[in-house]
Amino acid sequence: MLSGGSEKKLCVAVIGLLAFSAAARAQSLTLEEVIAQARQRSVAALSARSEFVSDYWAWRSYQASRLPSLSLYGNVGNFDRSLRLLQNYETGELQYTSNFNMQNSIGLRARQNITLTGGTLYLYSDLSRLDQFGSFAGHSWYTQPLSLTYNQPLFAYNQYKWDKRIAPKEYEKAQRKYLESMEEVTLTAVGLYYGVMLAKMVYDNALQNYDNTLTMLQVARRRLTIGSVTRDECLQLELRSLNDSLAINESKVSLQELRMQLNSLLGYDESFELDPVIDESLPDIVMDYDFVLAKCEENSSFYLQNSINILNADSAIEKAKADRGITMQLNATFGLSNTSQELSQTYKNILDQEVVGLSFSIPIFDWGLGKGKVRKAEASAEVVKAEVRQAENDKRISLFTAVEQFNNQRQLCSVSRRASRIASERYGLVMDNFRGGKASVTDLNTARSESDQALSKYIGDLRDYWTYYYTLRKLTLYDFIKGEDISVSFDELLD
């Protein structure tokens, strides 16, 4: 069995070796540095960027749908040698007639959707050649140098109009969702950072407590010889030293596990050891509920999503009403055309052509199918609006709670910091009193537990302070320290 002096020397050597090893590998990082790396390197941040890029191209697709499109079309080498069943228009006789020809055509077409009316405008130009073989061998050309066609649904659902109202909001929501996702990454980093800080504090305390217990055990053994300490109290300290040695291993495993979780967030492997830095300076900020609510309504995706949900519900009602009523479509074409056996003659003496028609469908009796669809859409819209009202009420309650928690937390941090220093100082005084025979082992254990608990509470209060702060940042997308809205360069994200 080791003597008291040998135990203490071994403890000091172990502690020194562990401290040197940790210092050789650990890198000190502040909370701000960890947050910056998490927002740059974490998988969650990369996923948020990827989702935003996807939403951006959906927005670009919508913008493209409102611009003119140009396409080249045609048929090449359309050869046909077959028998066709035709009817003689004079006698009405049906007979099979030989068909032996080849057709080639090419054209250029421009298309423009009309948002205001929901119609579609086409402008096209094409050229065709027909080659006939056999008894009627020969060829001919047909051209439409310029044709303009307009298709206009009447009394119909205008998808273009609703897309114009909803699509910009969807893209704006995507921008806000990206900012909120990055704030969520920040919250995760804060939780893991202070988790590592607390675990490291527990581990450091375990080392220090083991050293202190061995020192007090030596004092108790000396006092046992003079009868100022009982055998029971001496055994309590021996038991405490054994438990402290076990606590070192347990706290080290917990620290390593939390470090690995933080490393995973930051994109490091398990060999990287982060050493958190306690920053006791807190910004002097007092949240105002009305201001926070206004910023939440102005910046967050929550209220924008509610607006989109209501628009979608109103759009569904209009579509149901349009589908149950009269369906009419106006089709109009104006163009120029000509045909000739010679290509050069095809573009001479061009004839104009006009085609106008109106198609319609009027439901006479549908057994209430159309009316049922309208009622269903209206009922769904009422549910959506009720859910929006309830969600906004809940949001105001959660904002009020978050503001009050944050405003109280700074005072809690101040109190717990003072309590931690007092408890630590008291523990030192109790150890001195124990050496002088003025304190019992029970007093010593109580003072130590109070010191450990006070420090743990202080670290926990710091974590809660920054958690509340970054939660409010996420809810409002507002930087309360800088006093400005949170923003990023979305153009740089797309590069």
Protein backbone atom coordinates (compact mmCIF):
# COMPACT_ATOMS: atom_id res chain seq x y z
CA MET A 1 0.00 0.00 0.00
CA LEU A 2 1.26 3.46 -0.85
CA SER A 3 2.03 5.87 1.93
CA GLY A 4 0.23 9.20 2.16
CA GLY A 5 3.17 11.10 0.67
CA SER A 6 3.52 8.62 -2.18
CA GLU A 7 -0.20 8.86 -2.95
CA LYS A 8 -0.01 12.62 -3.20
CA LYS A 9 3.11 12.55 -5.38
CA LEU A 10 1.46 10.00 -7.68
CA CYS A 11 -1.66 12.15 -7.88
CA VAL A 12 0.34 15.26 -8.75
CA ALA A 13 2.26 13.35 -11.40
CA VAL A 14 -0.91 11.94 -12.97
CA ILE A 15 -2.62 15.31 -12.94
CA GLY A 16 0.42 17.00 -14.44
CA LEU A 17 0.73 14.36 -17.17
CA LEU A 18 -2.95 14.61 -18.06
CA ALA A 19 -2.82 18.41 -18.09
CA PHE A 20 0.28 18.45 -20.31
CA SER A 21 -1.22 15.90 -22.70
CA ALA A 22 -4.48 17.87 -22.96
CA ALA A 23 -2.65 21.17 -23.45
CA ALA A 24 -0.56 19.63 -26.22
CA ARG A 25 -3.61 18.60 -28.22
CA ALA A 26 -6.40 21.01 -27.22
CA GLN A 27 -7.13 24.22 -29.10
CA SER A 28 -8.90 27.09 -27.36
CA LEU A 29 -11.86 28.48 -29.29
CA THR A 30 -14.38 31.11 -28.24
CA LEU A 31 -18.11 30.72 -28.70
CA GLU A 32 -18.07 33.16 -31.64
CA GLU A 33 -15.33 31.16 -33.38
CA VAL A 34 -17.21 27.88 -32.91
CA ILE A 35 -20.41 29.44 -34.27
CA ALA A 36 -18.57 30.80 -37.32
CA GLN A 37 -17.05 27.39 -38.08
CA ALA A 38 -20.36 25.58 -37.58
CA ARG A 39 -22.13 27.94 -39.99
CA GLN A 40 -19.38 27.35 -42.55
CA ARG A 41 -18.45 23.67 -42.17
CA SER A 42 -21.39 21.76 -40.68
CA VAL A 43 -23.51 19.35 -42.70
CA ALA A 44 -26.64 21.21 -41.57
CA ALA A 45 -25.27 24.47 -43.00
CA LEU A 46 -24.37 22.79 -46.30
CA SER A 47 -27.84 21.23 -46.44
CA ALA A 48 -29.45 24.65 -45.86
CA ARG A 49 -27.42 26.12 -48.74
CA SER A 50 -28.39 23.23 -51.02
CA GLU A 51 -32.07 23.65 -50.18
CA PHE A 52 -31.89 27.37 -50.87
CA VAL A 53 -30.21 26.78 -54.25
CA SER A 54 -33.02 24.36 -55.15
CA ASP A 55 -35.64 26.96 -54.18
CA TYR A 56 -33.75 29.59 -56.15
CA TRP A 57 -33.94 27.58 -59.35
CA ALA A 58 -37.64 26.98 -58.76
CA TRP A 59 -37.97 30.78 -58.60
CA ARG A 60 -35.93 31.14 -61.77
CA SER A 61 -38.21 28.63 -63.49
CA TYR A 62 -41.23 30.71 -62.55
CA GLN A 63 -39.58 33.87 -63.88
CA ALA A 64 -38.75 32.06 -67.12
CA SER A 65 -42.39 31.01 -67.49
CA ARG A 66 -43.37 34.69 -67.67
CA LEU A 67 -40.87 35.47 -70.43
CA PRO A 68 -41.17 34.65 -74.15
CA SER A 69 -39.90 31.21 -75.10
CA LEU A 70 -38.50 30.31 -78.51
CA SER A 71 -38.40 26.80 -79.96
CA LEU A 72 -37.48 25.09 -83.21
CA TYR A 73 -39.79 22.32 -84.40
CA GLY A 74 -40.26 20.14 -87.45
CA ASN A 75 -40.51 16.71 -89.09
CA VAL A 76 -37.71 15.29 -91.18
CA GLY A 77 -37.91 12.27 -93.48
CA ASN A 78 -41.58 11.53 -92.77
CA PHE A 79 -41.94 8.80 -95.44
CA ASP A 80 -45.36 7.19 -96.00
CA ARG A 81 -46.10 4.33 -98.43
CA SER A 82 -49.39 2.75 -97.50
CA LEU A 83 -53.02 2.17 -98.41
CA ARG A 84 -55.51 4.63 -97.06
CA LEU A 85 -59.26 4.11 -96.76
CA LEU A 86 -60.85 7.13 -98.43
CA GLN A 87 -64.39 8.05 -99.43
CA ASN A 88 -65.35 9.38 -102.84
CA TYR A 89 -67.07 12.68 -102.09
CA GLU A 90 -69.26 12.38 -105.22
CA THR A 91 -70.47 8.77 -104.91
CA GLY A 92 -69.85 8.13 -101.23
CA GLU A 93 -67.96 4.98 -102.12
CA LEU A 94 -65.21 3.83 -99.74
CA GLN A 95 -62.05 2.50 -101.34
CA TYR A 96 -58.39 1.98 -100.56
CA THR A 97 -56.07 4.35 -102.32
CA SER A 98 -52.31 4.11 -102.58
CA ASN A 99 -50.39 6.75 -100.63
CA PHE A 100 -46.73 7.24 -101.61
CA ASN A 101 -45.04 10.43 -100.35
CA MET A 102 -42.52 12.01 -98.01
CA GLN A 103 -42.98 15.17 -95.98
CA ASN A 104 -40.40 17.47 -94.43
CA SER A 105 -41.10 20.56 -92.39
CA ILE A 106 -39.33 23.01 -90.13
CA GLY A 107 -40.53 25.98 -88.11
CA LEU A 108 -39.72 28.53 -85.45
CA ARG A 109 -42.23 29.30 -82.70
CA ALA A 110 -42.34 31.93 -79.95
CA ARG A 111 -44.72 31.62 -76.99
CA GLN A 112 -45.77 34.19 -74.39
CA ASN A 113 -48.09 33.59 -71.43
CA ILE A 114 -50.34 36.57 -70.64
CA THR A 115 -50.57 36.89 -66.85
CA LEU A 116 -53.38 39.44 -66.83
CA THR A 117 -55.85 37.37 -68.84
CA GLY A 118 -54.52 33.82 -68.47
CA GLY A 119 -54.24 33.43 -72.24
CA THR A 120 -51.33 32.30 -74.42
CA LEU A 121 -49.94 34.06 -77.48
CA TYR A 122 -48.04 32.14 -80.21
CA LEU A 123 -45.99 33.59 -83.04
CA TYR A 124 -44.54 31.16 -85.54
CA SER A 125 -43.11 30.75 -89.00
CA ASP A 126 -42.71 27.45 -90.88
CA LEU A 127 -41.94 25.84 -94.21
CA SER A 128 -43.03 22.41 -95.51
CA ARG A 129 -42.16 20.30 -98.56
CA LEU A 130 -44.27 17.45 -99.91
CA ASP A 131 -42.67 14.93 -102.31
CA GLN A 132 -45.03 12.54 -104.09
CA PHE A 133 -43.83 9.38 -105.84
CA GLY A 134 -45.37 6.95 -108.28
CA SER A 135 -47.95 7.99 -110.91
CA PHE A 136 -48.24 11.55 -109.52
CA ALA A 137 -44.55 12.17 -108.94
CA GLY A 138 -43.66 15.73 -108.10
CA HIS A 139 -43.18 18.08 -105.17
CA SER A 140 -44.70 21.19 -103.70
CA TRP A 141 -43.87 23.76 -101.02
CA TYR A 142 -46.10 25.28 -98.37
CA THR A 143 -45.11 28.19 -96.17
CA GLN A 144 -46.53 30.26 -93.35
CA PRO A 145 -44.00 33.07 -93.10
CA LEU A 146 -45.85 34.67 -90.23
CA SER A 147 -48.74 33.44 -88.10
CA LEU A 148 -50.14 34.79 -84.85
CA THR A 149 -52.36 32.62 -82.63
CA TYR A 150 -54.05 33.57 -79.39
CA ASN A 151 -55.82 31.14 -77.05
CA GLN A 152 -57.95 32.75 -74.34
CA PRO A 153 -59.95 30.77 -71.76
CA LEU A 154 -63.10 32.62 -70.67
CA PHE A 155 -64.59 32.38 -67.16
CA ALA A 156 -61.69 30.07 -66.28
CA TYR A 157 -59.22 29.77 -63.43
CA ASN A 158 -56.20 31.98 -64.12
CA GLN A 159 -53.18 30.00 -62.93
CA TYR A 160 -50.77 32.71 -64.12
CA LYS A 161 -52.42 35.33 -61.88
CA TRP A 162 -52.17 33.21 -58.75
CA ASP A 163 -48.59 32.17 -59.53
CA LYS A 164 -47.69 35.85 -59.76
CA ARG A 165 -49.06 36.41 -56.25
CA ILE A 166 -47.63 33.27 -54.63
CA ALA A 167 -44.27 32.58 -56.33
CA PRO A 168 -42.47 35.76 -55.11
CA LYS A 169 -43.60 35.00 -51.56
CA GLU A 170 -42.30 31.43 -51.90
CA TYR A 171 -38.87 32.71 -52.92
CA GLU A 172 -38.83 35.27 -50.12
CA LYS A 173 -39.78 32.47 -47.72
CA ALA A 174 -36.87 30.39 -49.04
CA GLN A 175 -34.48 33.24 -48.21
CA ARG A 176 -35.87 33.56 -44.69
CA LYS A 177 -35.84 29.79 -44.18
CA TYR A 178 -32.16 29.75 -45.07
CA LEU A 179 -31.38 32.44 -42.50
CA GLU A 180 -33.44 30.58 -39.88
CA SER A 181 -31.66 27.31 -40.69
CA MET A 182 -28.32 29.01 -40.10
CA GLU A 183 -29.58 30.34 -36.77
CA GLU A 184 -30.63 26.77 -35.91
CA VAL A 185 -27.05 25.68 -36.64
CA THR A 186 -25.93 28.42 -34.26
CA LEU A 187 -28.26 27.13 -31.53
CA THR A 188 -26.89 23.61 -31.97
CA ALA A 189 -23.33 24.95 -31.72
CA VAL A 190 -24.17 26.88 -28.53
CA GLY A 191 -25.67 23.80 -26.87
CA LEU A 192 -22.72 21.57 -27.74
CA TYR A 193 -20.13 24.25 -26.88
CA TYR A 194 -21.46 24.76 -23.38
CA GLY A 195 -21.99 21.03 -23.04
CA VAL A 196 -18.27 20.55 -23.63
CA MET A 197 -17.50 23.45 -21.29
CA LEU A 198 -19.58 21.91 -18.51
CA ALA A 199 -18.10 18.45 -19.07
CA LYS A 200 -14.57 19.88 -19.01
CA MET A 201 -15.36 21.75 -15.80
CA VAL A 202 -16.61 18.50 -14.23
CA TYR A 203 -13.48 16.71 -15.39
CA ASP A 204 -11.14 19.44 -14.11
CA ASN A 205 -13.02 19.48 -10.81
CA ALA A 206 -12.72 15.71 -10.58
CA LEU A 207 -8.94 16.00 -10.90
CA GLN A 208 -8.77 18.85 -8.40
CA ASN A 209 -11.15 17.17 -5.98
CA TYR A 210 -9.08 14.00 -6.07
CA ASP A 211 -5.97 15.99 -5.21
CA ASN A 212 -7.80 17.89 -2.45
CA THR A 213 -9.23 14.69 -0.98
CA LEU A 214 -5.79 13.08 -0.81
CA THR A 215 -4.44 16.20 0.90
CA MET A 216 -7.28 16.21 3.42
CA LEU A 217 -6.78 12.46 3.96
CA GLN A 218 -3.17 13.10 4.96
CA VAL A 219 -4.35 15.78 7.38
CA ALA A 220 -6.99 13.44 8.80
CA ARG A 221 -4.45 10.66 9.37
CA ARG A 222 -2.22 13.01 11.31
CA ARG A 223 -5.16 14.24 13.37
CA LEU A 224 -6.27 10.63 13.94
CA THR A 225 -3.05 9.98 15.83
CA ILE A 226 -3.87 12.78 18.26
CA GLY A 227 -7.53 11.88 18.53
CA SER A 228 -9.05 15.01 16.94
CA VAL A 229 -10.55 12.97 14.07
CA THR A 230 -12.47 9.74 14.41
CA ARG A 231 -11.72 6.58 12.51
CA ASP A 232 -15.11 6.89 10.82
CA GLU A 233 -14.28 10.33 9.44
CA CYS A 234 -10.94 9.09 8.18
CA LEU A 235 -12.67 6.20 6.40
CA GLN A 236 -15.13 8.66 4.85
CA LEU A 237 -12.23 10.49 3.23
CA GLU A 238 -10.68 7.26 2.01
CA LEU A 239 -14.00 6.28 0.46
CA ARG A 240 -14.26 9.74 -1.05
CA SER A 241 -10.81 9.38 -2.64
CA LEU A 242 -11.86 6.08 -4.24
CA ASN A 243 -15.04 7.63 -5.59
CA ASP A 244 -13.07 10.63 -6.86
CA SER A 245 -10.73 8.36 -8.79
CA LEU A 246 -13.72 6.74 -10.46
CA ALA A 247 -15.26 10.14 -11.18
CA ILE A 248 -12.12 11.13 -13.12
CA ASN A 249 -12.60 8.28 -15.59
CA GLU A 250 -16.37 8.80 -15.89
CA SER A 251 -16.07 12.54 -16.46
CA LYS A 252 -13.28 12.03 -19.00
CA VAL A 253 -15.43 9.64 -21.05
CA SER A 254 -18.33 12.12 -20.94
CA LEU A 255 -16.02 14.95 -22.01
CA GLN A 256 -14.65 12.93 -24.93
CA GLU A 257 -18.14 11.99 -26.08
CA LEU A 258 -19.34 15.60 -26.08
CA ARG A 259 -16.16 16.76 -27.81
CA MET A 260 -16.73 14.20 -30.55
CA GLN A 261 -20.29 15.48 -31.03
CA LEU A 262 -19.02 19.04 -31.34
CA ASN A 263 -16.24 17.89 -33.68
CA SER A 264 -18.85 16.21 -35.86
CA LEU A 265 -20.76 19.48 -36.13
CA LEU A 266 -17.60 21.42 -37.00
CA GLY A 267 -16.34 18.82 -39.48
CA TYR A 268 -13.34 17.59 -37.47
CA ASP A 269 -12.35 14.04 -36.61
CA GLU A 270 -12.03 12.64 -33.10
CA SER A 271 -8.36 13.64 -32.78
CA PHE A 272 -9.26 17.35 -32.53
CA GLU A 273 -9.75 18.56 -28.96
CA LEU A 274 -11.54 21.83 -28.48
CA ASP A 275 -10.95 23.77 -25.29
CA PRO A 276 -13.90 26.13 -24.64
CA VAL A 277 -13.24 29.59 -23.24
CA ILE A 278 -15.55 31.05 -20.61
CA ASP A 279 -16.53 34.60 -21.57
CA GLU A 280 -18.19 36.19 -18.55
CA SER A 281 -18.99 39.47 -20.31
CA LEU A 282 -22.61 39.57 -21.45
CA PRO A 283 -24.14 42.22 -23.72
CA ASP A 284 -26.29 44.75 -21.91
CA ILE A 285 -29.51 44.07 -23.80
CA VAL A 286 -33.11 44.36 -22.63
CA MET A 287 -35.69 42.94 -25.03
CA ASP A 288 -38.93 44.80 -25.70
CA TYR A 289 -41.82 42.45 -26.48
CA ASP A 290 -43.57 44.81 -28.91
CA PHE A 291 -40.34 45.35 -30.85
CA VAL A 292 -39.60 41.62 -30.94
CA LEU A 293 -43.13 40.87 -32.16
CA ALA A 294 -42.87 43.52 -34.88
CA LYS A 295 -39.55 42.11 -36.08
CA CYS A 296 -40.94 38.59 -36.07
CA GLU A 297 -43.90 39.67 -38.20
CA GLU A 298 -41.58 41.58 -40.53
CA ASN A 299 -38.74 39.07 -40.97
CA SER A 300 -39.69 35.52 -40.03
CA SER A 301 -40.87 32.85 -42.45
CA PHE A 302 -43.70 31.97 -40.07
CA TYR A 303 -46.00 34.87 -40.96
CA LEU A 304 -45.02 34.65 -44.62
CA GLN A 305 -45.96 30.96 -44.68
CA ASN A 306 -49.33 31.82 -43.12
CA SER A 307 -49.93 34.35 -45.90
CA ILE A 308 -49.04 31.74 -48.53
CA ASN A 309 -51.38 29.19 -46.95
CA ILE A 310 -54.29 31.64 -47.11
CA LEU A 311 -53.50 32.51 -50.74
CA ASN A 312 -53.41 28.82 -51.68
CA ALA A 313 -56.76 28.29 -49.96
CA ASP A 314 -58.33 31.24 -51.82
CA SER A 315 -56.82 29.96 -55.06
CA ALA A 316 -58.41 26.54 -54.51
CA ILE A 317 -61.84 28.18 -54.01
CA GLU A 318 -61.54 30.17 -57.23
CA LYS A 319 -60.46 27.08 -59.15
CA ALA A 320 -63.38 25.05 -57.82
CA LYS A 321 -65.83 27.80 -58.81
CA ALA A 322 -64.32 28.13 -62.29
CA ASP A 323 -64.38 24.38 -62.91
CA ARG A 324 -68.07 24.01 -62.07
CA GLY A 325 -69.34 26.77 -64.36
CA ILE A 326 -69.32 27.52 -68.07
CA THR A 327 -66.09 26.61 -69.83
CA MET A 328 -65.32 28.69 -72.90
CA GLN A 329 -62.18 29.26 -74.93
CA LEU A 330 -61.56 31.74 -77.71
CA ASN A 331 -59.06 30.71 -80.38
CA ALA A 332 -57.95 33.22 -82.99
CA THR A 333 -55.29 32.94 -85.70
CA PHE A 334 -54.06 35.48 -88.19
CA GLY A 335 -51.33 34.69 -90.63
CA LEU A 336 -49.90 34.60 -94.11
CA SER A 337 -49.50 31.49 -96.25
CA ASN A 338 -48.85 30.26 -99.78
CA THR A 339 -48.04 27.10 -101.71
CA SER A 340 -46.11 26.49 -104.94
CA GLN A 341 -44.06 23.88 -106.72
CA GLU A 342 -41.10 26.25 -106.66
CA LEU A 343 -39.57 27.49 -103.42
CA SER A 344 -38.88 30.96 -104.81
CA GLN A 345 -42.54 31.36 -105.81
CA THR A 346 -43.79 30.28 -102.39
CA TYR A 347 -43.02 33.68 -100.86
CA LYS A 348 -44.66 35.68 -103.64
CA ASN A 349 -48.28 36.75 -103.70
CA ILE A 350 -48.75 35.52 -100.14
CA LEU A 351 -52.34 35.06 -99.03
CA ASP A 352 -53.65 36.05 -95.65
CA GLN A 353 -55.58 33.65 -93.45
CA GLU A 354 -57.85 34.24 -90.47
CA VAL A 355 -59.32 31.61 -88.20
CA VAL A 356 -61.54 32.47 -85.25
CA GLY A 357 -63.51 30.07 -83.11
CA LEU A 358 -65.20 29.80 -79.74
CA SER A 359 -65.51 26.48 -77.95
CA PHE A 360 -67.67 26.04 -74.87
CA SER A 361 -69.04 23.56 -72.39
CA ILE A 362 -72.06 24.28 -70.20
CA PRO A 363 -72.90 21.86 -67.39
CA ILE A 364 -76.63 21.23 -67.21
CA PHE A 365 -76.83 18.69 -64.42
CA ASP A 366 -73.88 17.20 -62.51
CA TRP A 367 -75.65 15.84 -59.41
CA GLY A 368 -74.08 18.56 -57.25
CA LEU A 369 -70.51 17.55 -58.06
CA GLY A 370 -69.33 21.08 -58.83
CA LYS A 371 -71.14 22.58 -55.86
CA GLY A 372 -69.59 19.96 -53.57
CA LYS A 373 -66.09 20.83 -54.76
CA VAL A 374 -66.72 24.50 -54.04
CA ARG A 375 -68.08 23.79 -50.55
CA LYS A 376 -65.15 21.52 -49.82
CA ALA A 377 -62.65 24.19 -50.91
CA GLU A 378 -64.44 26.83 -48.82
CA ALA A 379 -64.48 24.57 -45.76
CA SER A 380 -60.76 23.86 -46.18
CA ALA A 381 -60.08 27.58 -46.45
CA GLU A 382 -61.94 28.23 -43.19
CA VAL A 383 -59.86 25.57 -41.46
CA VAL A 384 -56.65 27.08 -42.83
CA LYS A 385 -57.61 30.56 -41.62
CA ALA A 386 -58.56 29.23 -38.18
CA GLU A 387 -55.24 27.36 -37.95
CA VAL A 388 -53.39 30.53 -38.93
CA ARG A 389 -55.15 32.54 -36.23
CA GLN A 390 -54.38 29.88 -33.62
CA ALA A 391 -50.76 29.55 -34.73
CA GLU A 392 -50.27 33.32 -34.55
CA ASN A 393 -51.73 33.41 -31.04
CA ASP A 394 -49.38 30.60 -29.99
CA LYS A 395 -46.46 32.42 -31.61
CA ARG A 396 -47.18 35.58 -29.60
CA ILE A 397 -47.27 33.54 -26.39
CA SER A 398 -43.96 31.83 -27.19
CA LEU A 399 -42.37 35.17 -28.07
CA PHE A 400 -43.53 36.71 -24.81
CA THR A 401 -42.11 33.76 -22.86
CA ALA A 402 -38.80 33.91 -24.75
CA VAL A 403 -38.45 37.65 -24.12
CA GLU A 404 -39.14 37.30 -20.40
CA GLN A 405 -36.74 34.38 -20.08
CA PHE A 406 -33.97 36.32 -21.77
CA ASN A 407 -34.52 39.48 -19.74
CA ASN A 408 -34.37 37.49 -16.48
CA GLN A 409 -31.40 35.36 -17.50
CA ARG A 410 -28.76 38.10 -17.32
CA GLN A 411 -29.59 38.68 -13.65
CA LEU A 412 -29.51 34.93 -13.03
CA CYS A 413 -26.05 34.75 -14.60
CA SER A 414 -24.83 37.59 -12.40
CA VAL A 415 -26.18 35.90 -9.26
CA SER A 416 -24.89 32.43 -10.12
CA ARG A 417 -21.44 33.81 -10.95
CA ARG A 418 -21.27 35.49 -7.54
CA ALA A 419 -22.60 32.34 -5.87
CA SER A 420 -19.95 30.23 -7.62
CA ARG A 421 -17.14 32.47 -6.39
CA ILE A 422 -18.51 32.50 -2.84
CA ALA A 423 -18.93 28.71 -2.81
CA SER A 424 -15.39 28.23 -4.13
CA GLU A 425 -13.96 30.62 -1.53
CA ARG A 426 -15.95 28.92 1.22
CA TYR A 427 -14.65 25.51 0.14
CA GLY A 428 -11.11 26.82 0.46
CA LEU A 429 -11.83 28.21 3.93
CA VAL A 430 -13.39 24.93 5.08
CA MET A 431 -10.28 23.05 3.90
CA ASP A 432 -8.11 25.46 5.91
CA ASN A 433 -10.37 25.02 8.92
CA PHE A 434 -10.18 21.25 8.53
CA ARG A 435 -6.41 21.42 8.60
CA GLY A 436 -6.66 23.41 11.80
CA GLY A 437 -9.17 21.04 13.35
CA LYS A 438 -12.06 23.52 13.22
CA ALA A 439 -14.19 21.70 10.62
CA SER A 440 -15.49 18.17 10.27
CA VAL A 441 -15.44 15.84 7.26
CA THR A 442 -19.16 16.49 6.82
CA ASP A 443 -18.49 20.23 6.61
CA LEU A 444 -15.77 19.52 4.07
CA ASN A 445 -18.00 17.33 1.87
CA THR A 446 -20.86 19.81 2.05
CA ALA A 447 -18.68 22.75 1.06
CA ARG A 448 -17.22 20.79 -1.84
CA SER A 449 -20.64 19.73 -3.17
CA GLU A 450 -21.92 23.29 -2.92
CA SER A 451 -18.89 24.59 -4.80
CA ASP A 452 -19.30 22.03 -7.60
CA GLN A 453 -23.03 22.67 -7.89
CA ALA A 454 -22.61 26.44 -7.92
CA LEU A 455 -20.07 26.28 -10.75
CA SER A 456 -22.26 23.88 -12.74
CA LYS A 457 -25.23 26.19 -12.33
CA TYR A 458 -23.21 29.18 -13.49
CA ILE A 459 -22.12 27.37 -16.68
CA GLY A 460 -25.72 26.23 -17.21
CA ASP A 461 -27.01 29.78 -16.79
CA LEU A 462 -24.49 31.06 -19.36
CA ARG A 463 -25.65 28.38 -21.78
CA ASP A 464 -29.29 29.33 -21.21
CA TYR A 465 -28.52 33.02 -21.72
CA TRP A 466 -27.02 32.47 -25.18
CA THR A 467 -29.66 29.87 -26.04
CA TYR A 468 -32.42 32.38 -25.30
CA TYR A 469 -30.58 35.09 -27.23
CA TYR A 470 -30.02 33.03 -30.37
CA THR A 471 -33.57 31.65 -30.17
CA LEU A 472 -34.87 35.22 -30.36
CA ARG A 473 -32.48 35.89 -33.24
CA LYS A 474 -33.94 32.93 -35.09
CA LEU A 475 -37.52 34.02 -34.40
CA THR A 476 -36.93 37.61 -35.53
CA LEU A 477 -33.92 37.34 -37.88
CA TYR A 478 -32.62 40.41 -36.08
CA ASP A 479 -29.18 40.97 -34.56
CA PHE A 480 -29.91 42.66 -31.24
CA ILE A 481 -26.23 43.34 -30.54
CA LYS A 482 -25.57 45.14 -33.84
CA GLY A 483 -29.10 46.54 -33.99
CA GLU A 484 -29.81 45.43 -37.57
CA ASP A 485 -31.62 42.75 -39.54
CA ILE A 486 -29.67 39.58 -40.27
CA SER A 487 -28.76 39.30 -43.93
CA VAL A 488 -26.38 37.46 -46.24
CA SER A 489 -25.34 37.88 -49.85
CA PHE A 490 -27.53 35.32 -51.60
CA ASP A 491 -25.68 35.95 -54.86
CA GLU A 492 -22.48 34.61 -53.24
CA LEU A 493 -24.32 31.46 -52.15
CA LEU A 494 -25.17 30.73 -55.78
CA ASP A 495 -21.60 31.11 -57.07
